[in-house]
Every structure is written in C-alpha cells, then in structure tokens.
C-alpha cells in the first residue's frame, strides 16, 4: 500500500470518527435538554466539577463520570459520591466516616481543611464517582447551559457539515483539474 492510499484511508477514518462522535454528542445533549436530565453514556451520568474542593485528584472544570445510585448500593470510607444538599446543590466529596451501618456519612472535599458540617444521608446520594475524569471539558459542558451555548450546540454541527461538504467539493474539483492537466 502506498503513502497516498494510506493517507486517504486515515483521513476517511478520522472524518468518519469525528462525525460519529459529533452525532453522538449532539444527540446526547439534545435528549438531555429535552428531558431536563444530565447527559449520560451507557448508564453513567456526566457531571461538571465547578469548585476546587476535590483537587488535585479531580481538577476544577472537569467532567466526571458517575454511576447512578441504585437500590441496595453500599458505600464505604474513601468512596467519592455526589449528593444533594438542603439548598438543592450537588456536591461531590469523599466519604470520611460511615455512621449507623451506612445510613449516613461524614464527607470531606480532598482539598478542604475539615469535614462538611452536615451529615449526608443515604437518601441524598445521587451517584458514585467511577474514577473517570476529563479535565477542563466541564467548562464547555456548563457553557452549553447558557442560551448562546445551547444555540451553538444546535447550529454548529450544521455549519460544520456544510463546511465539510464545501471542503469535499473543493477537493474533488481540484483533483478533477489536476487529472485533466495530466492527460
């Protein structure tokens, strides 16, 4: 196989992969916007980390994958969980102590000086951290919550597809012209 054929195959594979990822992300965001839920992949929810309380392990602005809580889940010291507070805030912290046979917990952010003041009851746990974090992608994730970000998420794929179409036509015309001059 010569270099030109290899280069063409790599280009087509890369283009197909990019379009596939773009389609999956667009579909995921559109479904999550319509349902009012967070985007998820294969049953794992994506959440954006907006504070530095869990640094250096989880960087501010990261997207983390969380396994949604199911009936009968047991949590132990050291697990990283996301829970909802009285103020309806979502917080991701590590379990420091387990109380009353796992009915409530003392939590602490890795970067915080002391434990959280309020205990976390098992009913308030939303999900458990899987260990997968994508640094800085959370900034983009939160940006899509704005009206400008949501509009761009809807229009940008169309603009990219139109641009890709123009690029393909331009390459084809250029190849046809070079083919005619060779003859």
Protein backbone atom coordinates (compact mmCIF):
# COMPACT_ATOMS: atom_id res chain seq x y z
CA UNK A 1 0.00 0.00 0.00
CA UNK A 2 1.47 3.37 -0.97
CA UNK A 3 1.53 6.51 1.16
CA UNK A 4 -1.29 8.29 -0.73
CA UNK A 5 -3.70 5.38 -0.18
CA UNK A 6 -2.74 5.15 3.48
CA UNK A 7 -3.16 8.90 3.92
CA UNK A 8 -6.58 8.77 2.26
CA UNK A 9 -7.71 5.84 4.45
CA UNK A 10 -6.55 7.62 7.62
CA UNK A 11 -8.34 10.81 6.52
CA UNK A 12 -11.60 8.97 5.84
CA UNK A 13 -11.38 7.06 9.12
CA UNK A 14 -10.68 10.25 11.06
CA UNK A 15 -13.53 12.14 9.33
CA UNK A 16 -15.98 9.31 9.99
CA UNK A 17 -14.91 9.09 13.63
CA UNK A 18 -15.27 12.85 14.15
CA UNK A 19 -18.72 12.89 12.53
CA UNK A 20 -19.82 9.89 14.62
CA UNK A 21 -18.63 11.50 17.87
CA UNK A 22 -20.27 14.79 16.90
CA UNK A 23 -23.57 12.99 16.17
CA UNK A 24 -23.47 11.10 19.48
CA UNK A 25 -22.69 14.24 21.50
CA UNK A 26 -25.38 16.24 19.69
CA UNK A 27 -27.96 13.50 20.22
CA UNK A 28 -26.97 13.12 23.88
CA UNK A 29 -27.19 16.86 24.56
CA UNK A 30 -30.48 17.22 22.66
CA UNK A 31 -32.06 14.32 24.57
CA UNK A 32 -30.80 15.61 27.91
CA UNK A 33 -32.06 19.14 27.16
CA UNK A 34 -35.49 17.78 26.18
CA UNK A 35 -35.77 15.52 29.23
CA UNK A 36 -34.25 18.01 31.69
CA UNK A 37 -31.73 15.41 32.91
CA UNK A 38 -27.94 15.38 32.79
CA UNK A 39 -26.31 13.77 29.74
CA UNK A 40 -25.39 10.13 30.23
CA UNK A 41 -23.40 7.49 28.39
CA UNK A 42 -24.26 3.80 28.84
CA UNK A 43 -25.98 4.50 32.17
CA UNK A 44 -23.18 6.67 33.51
CA UNK A 45 -24.08 10.29 34.14
CA UNK A 46 -21.71 13.14 33.28
CA UNK A 47 -21.31 15.95 35.80
CA UNK A 48 -19.20 19.10 35.67
CA UNK A 49 -16.97 19.90 38.65
CA UNK A 50 -17.20 23.61 39.39
CA UNK A 51 -15.05 24.00 42.51
CA UNK A 52 -11.58 23.01 43.63
CA UNK A 53 -12.68 21.08 46.72
CA UNK A 54 -11.57 17.74 45.23
CA UNK A 55 -8.25 18.86 43.75
CA UNK A 56 -5.67 17.63 42.91
CA UNK A 57 -7.48 14.32 42.15
CA UNK A 58 -10.37 15.95 40.31
CA UNK A 59 -9.49 19.28 38.70
CA UNK A 60 -11.88 22.24 38.62
CA UNK A 61 -13.69 22.31 35.27
CA UNK A 62 -13.50 18.55 34.72
CA UNK A 63 -16.34 16.34 33.57
CA UNK A 64 -16.62 13.24 35.72
CA UNK A 65 -18.49 10.02 35.03
CA UNK A 66 -20.82 8.97 37.83
CA UNK A 67 -22.58 5.63 38.32
CA UNK A 68 -26.18 6.42 39.20
CA UNK A 69 -27.33 5.21 42.60
CA UNK A 70 -29.41 2.05 42.60
CA UNK A 71 -31.39 0.26 45.28
CA UNK A 72 -29.15 -1.51 47.78
CA UNK A 73 -25.91 0.32 46.98
CA UNK A 74 -23.45 0.22 49.86
CA UNK A 75 -20.88 2.97 50.36
CA UNK A 76 -17.66 2.79 52.34
CA UNK A 77 -14.98 5.11 53.63
CA UNK A 78 -12.99 6.52 50.70
CA UNK A 79 -15.79 6.37 48.11
CA UNK A 80 -16.36 9.60 46.19
CA UNK A 81 -20.06 10.40 45.97
CA UNK A 82 -22.30 13.14 44.61
CA UNK A 83 -25.10 14.19 46.91
CA UNK A 84 -27.75 16.88 47.11
CA UNK A 85 -27.76 19.39 49.98
CA UNK A 86 -30.65 21.12 51.76
CA UNK A 87 -30.06 24.08 49.42
CA UNK A 88 -30.50 21.78 46.37
CA UNK A 89 -26.81 21.98 45.45
CA UNK A 90 -24.96 18.99 44.04
CA UNK A 91 -21.64 18.32 45.78
CA UNK A 92 -19.03 15.69 45.03
CA UNK A 93 -16.91 14.76 48.07
CA UNK A 94 -15.21 11.74 49.62
CA UNK A 95 -16.76 9.71 52.45
CA UNK A 96 -14.65 10.15 55.61
CA UNK A 97 -16.81 8.18 58.07
CA UNK A 98 -19.73 5.77 57.84
CA UNK A 99 -22.41 6.03 60.58
CA UNK A 100 -25.43 3.92 61.63
CA UNK A 101 -24.49 0.97 59.39
CA UNK A 102 -24.36 3.11 56.27
CA UNK A 103 -27.46 5.23 56.81
CA UNK A 104 -25.50 8.49 56.91
CA UNK A 105 -21.96 9.68 56.26
CA UNK A 106 -19.42 12.35 57.09
CA UNK A 107 -17.91 13.72 53.88
CA UNK A 108 -14.98 15.98 53.04
CA UNK A 109 -13.52 17.52 49.93
CA UNK A 110 -9.92 16.33 49.41
CA UNK A 111 -8.72 19.93 49.23
CA UNK A 112 -10.78 21.17 52.21
CA UNK A 113 -9.32 21.63 55.71
CA UNK A 114 -12.14 19.94 57.57
CA UNK A 115 -15.17 17.70 57.01
CA UNK A 116 -18.52 19.01 55.80
CA UNK A 117 -20.71 20.33 58.63
CA UNK A 118 -23.89 18.47 57.71
CA UNK A 119 -24.10 14.68 57.53
CA UNK A 120 -25.07 13.11 54.20
CA UNK A 121 -27.98 10.70 54.41
CA UNK A 122 -28.10 7.78 52.02
CA UNK A 123 -31.34 9.15 50.51
CA UNK A 124 -29.46 12.27 49.40
CA UNK A 125 -26.77 10.39 47.47
CA UNK A 126 -27.26 10.75 43.73
CA UNK A 127 -24.30 8.85 42.27
CA UNK A 128 -20.81 7.45 42.86
CA UNK A 129 -17.65 8.60 41.06
CA UNK A 130 -16.22 5.97 38.70
CA UNK A 131 -12.67 7.33 38.60
CA UNK A 132 -13.03 8.74 35.06
CA UNK A 133 -12.49 12.49 34.69
CA UNK A 134 -11.98 14.59 31.57
CA UNK A 135 -10.07 17.72 32.63
CA UNK A 136 -11.41 21.14 31.56
CA UNK A 137 -14.28 19.67 29.48
CA UNK A 138 -16.72 20.75 32.20
CA UNK A 139 -16.29 24.40 31.26
CA UNK A 140 -17.70 23.62 27.81
CA UNK A 141 -20.36 21.42 29.40
CA UNK A 142 -21.58 24.28 31.64
CA UNK A 143 -21.36 26.75 28.78
CA UNK A 144 -23.98 24.72 26.87
CA UNK A 145 -26.45 25.54 29.67
CA UNK A 146 -26.44 29.18 28.55
CA UNK A 147 -28.77 30.27 25.74
CA UNK A 148 -25.83 31.15 23.46
CA UNK A 149 -24.18 27.79 24.17
CA UNK A 150 -27.41 25.87 23.51
CA UNK A 151 -27.92 27.74 20.22
CA UNK A 152 -24.37 26.97 19.11
CA UNK A 153 -24.80 23.29 20.02
CA UNK A 154 -27.80 23.20 17.70
CA UNK A 155 -26.31 25.24 14.83
CA UNK A 156 -22.61 24.36 14.98
CA UNK A 157 -22.99 20.78 13.70
CA UNK A 158 -24.92 22.07 10.70
CA UNK A 159 -22.28 24.69 9.98
CA UNK A 160 -19.54 22.07 10.32
CA UNK A 161 -21.35 19.68 7.98
CA UNK A 162 -21.83 22.44 5.38
CA UNK A 163 -18.13 23.35 5.71
CA UNK A 164 -17.16 19.69 5.34
CA UNK A 165 -19.36 19.47 2.22
CA UNK A 166 -17.68 22.53 0.67
CA UNK A 167 -14.25 21.09 1.51
CA UNK A 168 -15.14 17.77 -0.13
CA UNK A 169 -16.45 19.50 -3.28
CA UNK A 170 -13.34 21.74 -3.43
CA UNK A 171 -11.04 18.69 -3.16
CA UNK A 172 -12.99 16.85 -5.86
CA UNK A 173 -12.83 19.82 -8.24
CA UNK A 174 -9.11 20.23 -7.56
CA UNK A 175 -8.49 16.54 -8.21
CA UNK A 176 -10.50 16.72 -11.45
CA UNK A 177 -8.48 19.73 -12.66
CA UNK A 178 -5.17 18.03 -11.83
CA UNK A 179 -6.37 14.88 -13.59
CA UNK A 180 -7.26 16.88 -16.73
CA UNK A 181 -3.82 18.57 -16.84
CA UNK A 182 -2.06 15.21 -16.55
CA UNK A 183 -3.92 13.82 -19.60
